[in-house]
Amino acid sequence: MALGRVGKNFMAPLLAVNLVVHLIVVGLAGWSLDKYIDGEQNHPHLGGNTSTSFMLIFALIAGTFGACSVIIGMMHLRAWKHESHAAAASVAIISWAMIALAFGVVCKEVIIGGHRGKRLQTLELFIAISLLSQLLYLVLLNAGIFKRRYGPTVI
C-alpha cells in the first residue's frame, strides 16, 4: 500500500460515524434544553437534577464544535497534505477537550442522581461515545507522526 493510504482509508468511515454521533448529541441536547427552558422538567423523557442545565449547555457546545471538527477533518481528508493536517489536528484536540469537559459534567450529573429520563440517559451515552470516537479520530489523525504509512506524505 502507498505511503499515507492506511490512515486515509480508516479516517473516512470514522469521520462519518463521528458526524452522526455529534449530530445526535446536538439534537438531543437542543431538544432537552428547549424543554428545560420551557419549564418542562417533569417531562417523562427529561427529568434531571441541579446539574442538568449545565450538562445540556456543555453538550450542545461540545457537539457543535465536534461537528465543526469533523467538517474540517473532511476537508483535510480531501486535501491530505501536511498543511491541512495542522488545522485538522488543532481543532480535533480542542474539540476532544470540550467533549471531555461535557463528559465530566455528565459524570457529575450521574453522581448527584435523581430521576433522569430516557432522553437524558441517551444523551449521556452519546456523549461518552463521542468522547471515545473523537479520541480514536485524534489518534488516527496524528498516527502519521510515528509511521509514515498512516499520514500524508511529504513531497
N, C-alpha and C. Protein backbone atom coordinates (compact mmCIF):
# COMPACT_ATOMS: atom_id res chain seq x y z
N MET A 1 0.84 -1.18 0.00
CA MET A 1 0.00 0.00 0.00
C MET A 1 0.88 1.24 0.00
N ALA A 2 0.44 2.28 -0.69
CA ALA A 2 1.22 3.51 -0.79
C ALA A 2 1.32 4.19 0.56
N LEU A 3 2.35 5.00 0.68
CA LEU A 3 2.53 5.73 1.92
C LEU A 3 1.35 6.66 2.17
N GLY A 4 0.87 6.66 3.40
CA GLY A 4 -0.21 7.56 3.77
C GLY A 4 -1.60 7.08 3.47
N ARG A 5 -1.75 5.96 2.79
CA ARG A 5 -3.09 5.50 2.40
C ARG A 5 -3.80 4.75 3.52
N VAL A 6 -3.06 4.14 4.44
CA VAL A 6 -3.70 3.35 5.50
C VAL A 6 -4.55 4.25 6.39
N GLY A 7 -3.97 5.36 6.84
CA GLY A 7 -4.71 6.28 7.70
C GLY A 7 -5.88 6.91 6.99
N LYS A 8 -5.70 7.20 5.71
CA LYS A 8 -6.76 7.83 4.94
C LYS A 8 -7.94 6.88 4.74
N ASN A 9 -7.67 5.60 4.56
CA ASN A 9 -8.75 4.63 4.37
C ASN A 9 -9.57 4.43 5.64
N PHE A 10 -8.93 4.53 6.81
CA PHE A 10 -9.66 4.37 8.06
C PHE A 10 -10.39 5.65 8.48
N MET A 11 -9.88 6.78 8.02
CA MET A 11 -10.41 8.05 8.50
C MET A 11 -11.80 8.38 7.95
N ALA A 12 -12.07 8.02 6.71
CA ALA A 12 -13.36 8.37 6.10
C ALA A 12 -14.55 7.75 6.85
N PRO A 13 -14.55 6.44 7.15
CA PRO A 13 -15.69 5.91 7.91
C PRO A 13 -15.77 6.46 9.33
N LEU A 14 -14.61 6.70 9.94
CA LEU A 14 -14.60 7.24 11.30
C LEU A 14 -15.17 8.66 11.32
N LEU A 15 -14.87 9.45 10.32
CA LEU A 15 -15.44 10.79 10.24
C LEU A 15 -16.95 10.74 10.05
N ALA A 16 -17.43 9.79 9.27
CA ALA A 16 -18.87 9.65 9.07
C ALA A 16 -19.57 9.27 10.38
N VAL A 17 -18.97 8.34 11.11
CA VAL A 17 -19.54 7.95 12.41
C VAL A 17 -19.51 9.12 13.38
N ASN A 18 -18.39 9.84 13.41
CA ASN A 18 -18.27 10.99 14.30
C ASN A 18 -19.33 12.05 13.99
N LEU A 19 -19.56 12.30 12.71
CA LEU A 19 -20.55 13.31 12.33
C LEU A 19 -21.94 12.91 12.80
N VAL A 20 -22.29 11.65 12.61
CA VAL A 20 -23.61 11.18 13.06
C VAL A 20 -23.74 11.29 14.58
N VAL A 21 -22.70 10.89 15.30
CA VAL A 21 -22.75 10.93 16.77
C VAL A 21 -22.87 12.38 17.26
N HIS A 22 -22.09 13.28 16.66
CA HIS A 22 -22.15 14.68 17.09
C HIS A 22 -23.51 15.31 16.76
N LEU A 23 -24.08 14.96 15.62
CA LEU A 23 -25.39 15.50 15.28
C LEU A 23 -26.48 14.96 16.21
N ILE A 24 -26.36 13.72 16.63
CA ILE A 24 -27.31 13.16 17.61
C ILE A 24 -27.17 13.89 18.94
N VAL A 25 -25.93 14.15 19.36
CA VAL A 25 -25.71 14.89 20.61
C VAL A 25 -26.32 16.28 20.52
N VAL A 26 -26.09 16.96 19.41
CA VAL A 26 -26.65 18.31 19.24
C VAL A 26 -28.18 18.25 19.23
N GLY A 27 -28.75 17.28 18.56
CA GLY A 27 -30.21 17.16 18.51
C GLY A 27 -30.83 16.87 19.87
N LEU A 28 -30.26 15.90 20.58
CA LEU A 28 -30.80 15.56 21.91
C LEU A 28 -30.59 16.70 22.91
N ALA A 29 -29.43 17.33 22.88
CA ALA A 29 -29.16 18.43 23.81
C ALA A 29 -30.04 19.63 23.49
N GLY A 30 -30.25 19.90 22.21
CA GLY A 30 -31.11 21.02 21.83
C GLY A 30 -32.55 20.79 22.24
N TRP A 31 -33.07 19.58 22.00
CA TRP A 31 -34.44 19.27 22.40
C TRP A 31 -34.60 19.36 23.92
N SER A 32 -33.66 18.77 24.63
CA SER A 32 -33.75 18.76 26.10
C SER A 32 -33.62 20.16 26.68
N LEU A 33 -32.73 20.97 26.11
CA LEU A 33 -32.57 22.33 26.59
C LEU A 33 -33.83 23.15 26.31
N ASP A 34 -34.46 22.93 25.17
CA ASP A 34 -35.71 23.61 24.87
C ASP A 34 -36.80 23.26 25.89
N LYS A 35 -36.93 21.98 26.19
CA LYS A 35 -37.91 21.55 27.19
C LYS A 35 -37.56 22.10 28.57
N TYR A 36 -36.28 22.13 28.88
CA TYR A 36 -35.83 22.60 30.19
C TYR A 36 -36.09 24.09 30.34
N ILE A 37 -35.86 24.87 29.29
CA ILE A 37 -36.11 26.30 29.34
C ILE A 37 -37.60 26.59 29.44
N ASP A 38 -38.42 25.78 28.77
CA ASP A 38 -39.87 25.96 28.83
C ASP A 38 -40.47 25.54 30.17
N GLY A 39 -39.65 25.02 31.07
CA GLY A 39 -40.13 24.64 32.39
C GLY A 39 -40.75 23.27 32.45
N GLU A 40 -40.43 22.41 31.50
CA GLU A 40 -41.00 21.07 31.47
C GLU A 40 -40.01 20.05 32.03
N GLN A 41 -39.46 20.34 33.21
CA GLN A 41 -38.52 19.41 33.82
C GLN A 41 -39.19 18.10 34.19
N ASN A 42 -40.50 18.11 34.37
CA ASN A 42 -41.21 16.89 34.75
C ASN A 42 -41.65 16.07 33.53
N HIS A 43 -41.17 16.44 32.36
CA HIS A 43 -41.47 15.67 31.16
C HIS A 43 -40.94 14.25 31.37
N PRO A 44 -41.71 13.22 30.98
CA PRO A 44 -41.28 11.84 31.27
C PRO A 44 -39.94 11.45 30.66
N HIS A 45 -39.55 12.10 29.57
CA HIS A 45 -38.28 11.75 28.94
C HIS A 45 -37.14 12.66 29.36
N LEU A 46 -37.41 13.64 30.23
CA LEU A 46 -36.38 14.61 30.58
C LEU A 46 -35.88 14.40 32.00
N GLY A 47 -36.63 14.83 32.99
CA GLY A 47 -36.18 14.69 34.38
C GLY A 47 -34.97 15.55 34.65
N GLY A 48 -34.05 15.04 35.45
CA GLY A 48 -32.80 15.74 35.71
C GLY A 48 -32.63 16.17 37.15
N ASN A 49 -31.53 16.85 37.40
CA ASN A 49 -31.22 17.36 38.73
C ASN A 49 -30.59 18.74 38.58
N THR A 50 -29.87 19.19 39.60
CA THR A 50 -29.34 20.55 39.57
C THR A 50 -28.25 20.76 38.52
N SER A 51 -27.59 19.71 38.08
CA SER A 51 -26.52 19.88 37.09
C SER A 51 -27.00 19.66 35.66
N THR A 52 -28.28 19.39 35.46
CA THR A 52 -28.78 19.08 34.12
C THR A 52 -28.65 20.25 33.17
N SER A 53 -28.97 21.45 33.62
CA SER A 53 -28.89 22.61 32.73
C SER A 53 -27.45 22.84 32.26
N PHE A 54 -26.49 22.67 33.17
CA PHE A 54 -25.09 22.83 32.78
C PHE A 54 -24.67 21.73 31.79
N MET A 55 -25.12 20.52 32.06
CA MET A 55 -24.78 19.41 31.17
C MET A 55 -25.34 19.64 29.77
N LEU A 56 -26.55 20.15 29.67
CA LEU A 56 -27.16 20.38 28.37
C LEU A 56 -26.42 21.47 27.60
N ILE A 57 -26.02 22.52 28.29
CA ILE A 57 -25.29 23.60 27.62
C ILE A 57 -23.93 23.12 27.15
N PHE A 58 -23.20 22.41 28.03
CA PHE A 58 -21.89 21.90 27.63
C PHE A 58 -22.01 20.87 26.50
N ALA A 59 -23.04 20.04 26.54
CA ALA A 59 -23.22 19.04 25.47
C ALA A 59 -23.54 19.72 24.15
N LEU A 60 -24.34 20.77 24.19
CA LEU A 60 -24.68 21.49 22.96
C LEU A 60 -23.45 22.15 22.35
N ILE A 61 -22.64 22.79 23.19
CA ILE A 61 -21.42 23.43 22.69
C ILE A 61 -20.43 22.39 22.18
N ALA A 62 -20.22 21.32 22.95
CA ALA A 62 -19.26 20.29 22.55
C ALA A 62 -19.71 19.57 21.28
N GLY A 63 -20.99 19.29 21.15
CA GLY A 63 -21.50 18.64 19.94
C GLY A 63 -21.36 19.51 18.71
N THR A 64 -21.63 20.79 18.87
CA THR A 64 -21.49 21.71 17.75
C THR A 64 -20.03 21.85 17.33
N PHE A 65 -19.15 21.99 18.30
CA PHE A 65 -17.74 22.11 17.98
C PHE A 65 -17.20 20.80 17.41
N GLY A 66 -17.69 19.67 17.89
CA GLY A 66 -17.29 18.38 17.34
C GLY A 66 -17.71 18.21 15.90
N ALA A 67 -18.91 18.66 15.56
CA ALA A 67 -19.37 18.60 14.17
C ALA A 67 -18.50 19.49 13.28
N CYS A 68 -18.12 20.66 13.78
CA CYS A 68 -17.22 21.53 13.02
C CYS A 68 -15.85 20.86 12.83
N SER A 69 -15.39 20.15 13.85
CA SER A 69 -14.13 19.42 13.75
C SER A 69 -14.20 18.35 12.68
N VAL A 70 -15.33 17.69 12.57
CA VAL A 70 -15.50 16.66 11.54
C VAL A 70 -15.48 17.28 10.15
N ILE A 71 -16.11 18.43 10.00
CA ILE A 71 -16.12 19.10 8.69
C ILE A 71 -14.71 19.49 8.28
N ILE A 72 -13.93 20.03 9.23
CA ILE A 72 -12.53 20.36 8.92
C ILE A 72 -11.74 19.09 8.64
N GLY A 73 -12.04 18.00 9.35
CA GLY A 73 -11.39 16.72 9.08
C GLY A 73 -11.70 16.20 7.69
N MET A 74 -12.93 16.42 7.22
CA MET A 74 -13.28 16.00 5.86
C MET A 74 -12.52 16.82 4.82
N MET A 75 -12.34 18.10 5.09
CA MET A 75 -11.55 18.92 4.16
C MET A 75 -10.09 18.47 4.16
N HIS A 76 -9.56 18.09 5.33
CA HIS A 76 -8.20 17.57 5.39
C HIS A 76 -8.10 16.23 4.65
N LEU A 77 -9.12 15.41 4.80
CA LEU A 77 -9.13 14.12 4.10
C LEU A 77 -9.11 14.31 2.59
N ARG A 78 -9.81 15.32 2.13
CA ARG A 78 -9.83 15.60 0.69
C ARG A 78 -8.48 16.12 0.20
N ALA A 79 -7.86 17.01 0.98
CA ALA A 79 -6.57 17.57 0.57
C ALA A 79 -5.43 16.61 0.88
N TRP A 80 -5.45 16.03 2.07
CA TRP A 80 -4.46 15.05 2.56
C TRP A 80 -3.03 15.57 2.40
N LYS A 81 -2.79 16.75 2.99
CA LYS A 81 -1.47 17.36 2.97
C LYS A 81 -1.10 17.78 4.38
N HIS A 82 0.19 18.00 4.59
CA HIS A 82 0.65 18.43 5.91
C HIS A 82 0.09 19.79 6.28
N GLU A 83 -0.14 20.63 5.30
CA GLU A 83 -0.67 21.97 5.59
C GLU A 83 -2.07 21.89 6.18
N SER A 84 -2.89 21.01 5.67
CA SER A 84 -4.24 20.89 6.21
C SER A 84 -4.26 20.06 7.49
N HIS A 85 -3.24 19.26 7.70
CA HIS A 85 -3.17 18.43 8.91
C HIS A 85 -3.09 19.28 10.16
N ALA A 86 -2.36 20.39 10.11
CA ALA A 86 -2.20 21.24 11.28
C ALA A 86 -3.54 21.80 11.75
N ALA A 87 -4.35 22.27 10.83
CA ALA A 87 -5.66 22.81 11.20
C ALA A 87 -6.58 21.71 11.73
N ALA A 88 -6.59 20.57 11.05
CA ALA A 88 -7.46 19.47 11.48
C ALA A 88 -7.06 18.95 12.86
N ALA A 89 -5.76 18.84 13.11
CA ALA A 89 -5.30 18.31 14.40
C ALA A 89 -5.58 19.29 15.53
N SER A 90 -5.38 20.58 15.30
CA SER A 90 -5.61 21.54 16.38
C SER A 90 -7.09 21.64 16.74
N VAL A 91 -7.96 21.65 15.74
CA VAL A 91 -9.39 21.70 16.02
C VAL A 91 -9.86 20.40 16.67
N ALA A 92 -9.29 19.26 16.27
CA ALA A 92 -9.67 17.98 16.87
C ALA A 92 -9.27 17.91 18.33
N ILE A 93 -8.10 18.45 18.68
CA ILE A 93 -7.67 18.44 20.08
C ILE A 93 -8.58 19.32 20.93
N ILE A 94 -8.91 20.50 20.43
CA ILE A 94 -9.79 21.39 21.18
C ILE A 94 -11.18 20.78 21.31
N SER A 95 -11.67 20.16 20.24
CA SER A 95 -12.98 19.51 20.27
C SER A 95 -13.00 18.37 21.28
N TRP A 96 -11.93 17.58 21.30
CA TRP A 96 -11.88 16.49 22.28
C TRP A 96 -11.86 17.03 23.71
N ALA A 97 -11.16 18.12 23.93
CA ALA A 97 -11.12 18.71 25.27
C ALA A 97 -12.50 19.21 25.69
N MET A 98 -13.24 19.80 24.76
CA MET A 98 -14.60 20.27 25.09
C MET A 98 -15.54 19.10 25.37
N ILE A 99 -15.39 18.03 24.61
CA ILE A 99 -16.22 16.84 24.84
C ILE A 99 -15.86 16.21 26.19
N ALA A 100 -14.57 16.22 26.53
CA ALA A 100 -14.15 15.69 27.83
C ALA A 100 -14.74 16.52 28.96
N LEU A 101 -14.82 17.83 28.76
CA LEU A 101 -15.45 18.69 29.77
C LEU A 101 -16.93 18.37 29.91
N ALA A 102 -17.61 18.18 28.80
CA ALA A 102 -19.03 17.80 28.85
C ALA A 102 -19.20 16.43 29.51
N PHE A 103 -18.28 15.51 29.25
CA PHE A 103 -18.34 14.19 29.87
C PHE A 103 -18.14 14.31 31.39
N GLY A 104 -17.30 15.23 31.82
CA GLY A 104 -17.12 15.45 33.26
C GLY A 104 -18.40 15.94 33.91
N VAL A 105 -19.13 16.81 33.23
CA VAL A 105 -20.41 17.28 33.78
C VAL A 105 -21.43 16.15 33.77
N VAL A 106 -21.36 15.27 32.76
CA VAL A 106 -22.24 14.10 32.74
C VAL A 106 -21.96 13.21 33.95
N CYS A 107 -20.69 13.00 34.25
CA CYS A 107 -20.33 12.19 35.42
C CYS A 107 -20.88 12.80 36.70
N LYS A 108 -20.80 14.13 36.79
CA LYS A 108 -21.33 14.82 37.97
C LYS A 108 -22.84 14.64 38.06
N GLU A 109 -23.52 14.69 36.93
CA GLU A 109 -24.97 14.51 36.93
C GLU A 109 -25.35 13.10 37.38
N VAL A 110 -24.59 12.11 36.94
CA VAL A 110 -24.87 10.74 37.35
C VAL A 110 -24.60 10.55 38.84
N ILE A 111 -23.53 11.17 39.34
CA ILE A 111 -23.20 11.05 40.76
C ILE A 111 -24.27 11.69 41.63
N ILE A 112 -24.80 12.85 41.22
CA ILE A 112 -25.84 13.51 42.01
C ILE A 112 -27.09 12.63 42.07
N GLY A 113 -27.40 11.98 40.98
CA GLY A 113 -28.52 11.03 40.97
C GLY A 113 -29.85 11.70 40.71
N GLY A 114 -30.89 11.06 41.17
CA GLY A 114 -32.24 11.55 40.91
C GLY A 114 -32.81 10.93 39.65
N HIS A 115 -34.03 11.32 39.34
CA HIS A 115 -34.69 10.79 38.15
C HIS A 115 -34.11 11.46 36.90
N ARG A 116 -33.61 10.64 36.00
CA ARG A 116 -33.15 11.11 34.70
C ARG A 116 -33.93 10.35 33.65
N GLY A 117 -34.57 11.07 32.76
CA GLY A 117 -35.39 10.45 31.74
C GLY A 117 -34.57 9.70 30.70
N LYS A 118 -35.29 9.00 29.83
CA LYS A 118 -34.63 8.18 28.81
C LYS A 118 -33.79 9.02 27.84
N ARG A 119 -34.28 10.20 27.49
CA ARG A 119 -33.51 11.02 26.54
C ARG A 119 -32.25 11.58 27.19
N LEU A 120 -32.31 11.90 28.47
CA LEU A 120 -31.10 12.35 29.15
C LEU A 120 -30.09 11.20 29.26
N GLN A 121 -30.57 10.02 29.56
CA GLN A 121 -29.67 8.87 29.63
C GLN A 121 -29.07 8.57 28.26
N THR A 122 -29.87 8.73 27.21
CA THR A 122 -29.36 8.52 25.86
C THR A 122 -28.31 9.58 25.52
N LEU A 123 -28.57 10.83 25.91
CA LEU A 123 -27.60 11.90 25.68
C LEU A 123 -26.30 11.63 26.42
N GLU A 124 -26.40 11.16 27.65
CA GLU A 124 -25.20 10.81 28.42
C GLU A 124 -24.40 9.71 27.71
N LEU A 125 -25.09 8.72 27.19
CA LEU A 125 -24.44 7.64 26.48
C LEU A 125 -23.74 8.15 25.22
N PHE A 126 -24.42 9.00 24.47
CA PHE A 126 -23.83 9.51 23.24
C PHE A 126 -22.67 10.47 23.50
N ILE A 127 -22.67 11.15 24.62
CA ILE A 127 -21.51 11.98 24.96
C ILE A 127 -20.32 11.08 25.25
N ALA A 128 -20.53 9.96 25.93
CA ALA A 128 -19.43 9.02 26.17
C ALA A 128 -18.92 8.41 24.87
N ILE A 129 -19.84 8.04 23.97
CA ILE A 129 -19.45 7.50 22.67
C ILE A 129 -18.68 8.56 21.88
N SER A 130 -19.15 9.80 21.95
CA SER A 130 -18.49 10.90 21.25
C SER A 130 -17.08 11.12 21.77
N LEU A 131 -16.90 11.00 23.08
CA LEU A 131 -15.57 11.17 23.67
C LEU A 131 -14.61 10.10 23.15
N LEU A 132 -15.06 8.87 23.11
CA LEU A 132 -14.19 7.78 22.64
C LEU A 132 -13.93 7.84 21.14
N SER A 133 -14.96 8.15 20.36
CA SER A 133 -14.75 8.20 18.91
C SER A 133 -13.89 9.40 18.52
N GLN A 134 -14.02 10.52 19.23
CA GLN A 134 -13.16 11.67 18.94
C GLN A 134 -11.72 11.38 19.32
N LEU A 135 -11.53 10.64 20.41
CA LEU A 135 -10.17 10.25 20.80
C LEU A 135 -9.56 9.32 19.75
N LEU A 136 -10.35 8.38 19.24
CA LEU A 136 -9.87 7.49 18.19
C LEU A 136 -9.51 8.27 16.93
N TYR A 137 -10.33 9.24 16.58
CA TYR A 137 -10.04 10.10 15.42
C TYR A 137 -8.76 10.89 15.65
N LEU A 138 -8.57 11.39 16.84
CA LEU A 138 -7.37 12.15 17.16
C LEU A 138 -6.12 11.29 17.08
N VAL A 139 -6.20 10.07 17.57
CA VAL A 139 -5.06 9.15 17.49
C VAL A 139 -4.76 8.80 16.03
N LEU A 140 -5.79 8.51 15.26
CA LEU A 140 -5.59 8.17 13.85
C LEU A 140 -5.07 9.37 13.06
N LEU A 141 -5.54 10.55 13.40
CA LEU A 141 -5.09 11.75 12.71
C LEU A 141 -3.61 12.01 12.93
N ASN A 142 -3.14 11.75 14.14
CA ASN A 142 -1.74 12.01 14.48
C ASN A 142 -0.85 10.78 14.37
N ALA A 143 -1.36 9.68 13.88
CA ALA A 143 -0.55 8.47 13.75
C ALA A 143 0.54 8.62 12.70
N GLY A 144 0.35 9.54 11.75
CA GLY A 144 1.35 9.77 10.73
C GLY A 144 2.65 10.33 11.27
N ILE A 145 2.62 10.87 12.47
CA ILE A 145 3.85 11.37 13.09
C ILE A 145 4.79 10.21 13.39
N PHE A 146 4.23 9.07 13.76
CA PHE A 146 5.03 7.93 14.18
C PHE A 146 5.32 6.96 13.04
N LYS A 147 4.40 6.79 12.12
CA LYS A 147 4.59 5.89 10.97
C LYS A 147 4.16 6.63 9.71
N ARG A 148 5.03 6.67 8.72
CA ARG A 148 4.74 7.42 7.50
C ARG A 148 3.57 6.85 6.72
N ARG A 149 3.26 5.58 6.90
CA ARG A 149 2.18 4.99 6.11
C ARG A 149 0.80 5.42 6.59
N TYR A 150 0.71 6.06 7.76
CA TYR A 150 -0.58 6.50 8.30
C TYR A 150 -0.89 7.95 8.00
N GLY A 151 0.08 8.76 7.63
CA GLY A 151 -0.16 10.18 7.44
C GLY A 151 0.13 10.64 6.04
N PRO A 152 -0.10 11.91 5.77
CA PRO A 152 0.19 12.46 4.45
C PRO A 152 1.69 12.39 4.15
N THR A 153 2.02 12.15 2.91
CA THR A 153 3.43 12.06 2.53
C THR A 153 3.98 13.44 2.24
N VAL A 154 5.27 13.60 2.47
CA VAL A 154 5.95 14.86 2.20
C VAL A 154 6.54 14.77 0.79
N ILE A 155 6.21 15.75 -0.02
CA ILE A 155 6.71 15.75 -1.40
C ILE A 155 7.71 16.87 -1.56
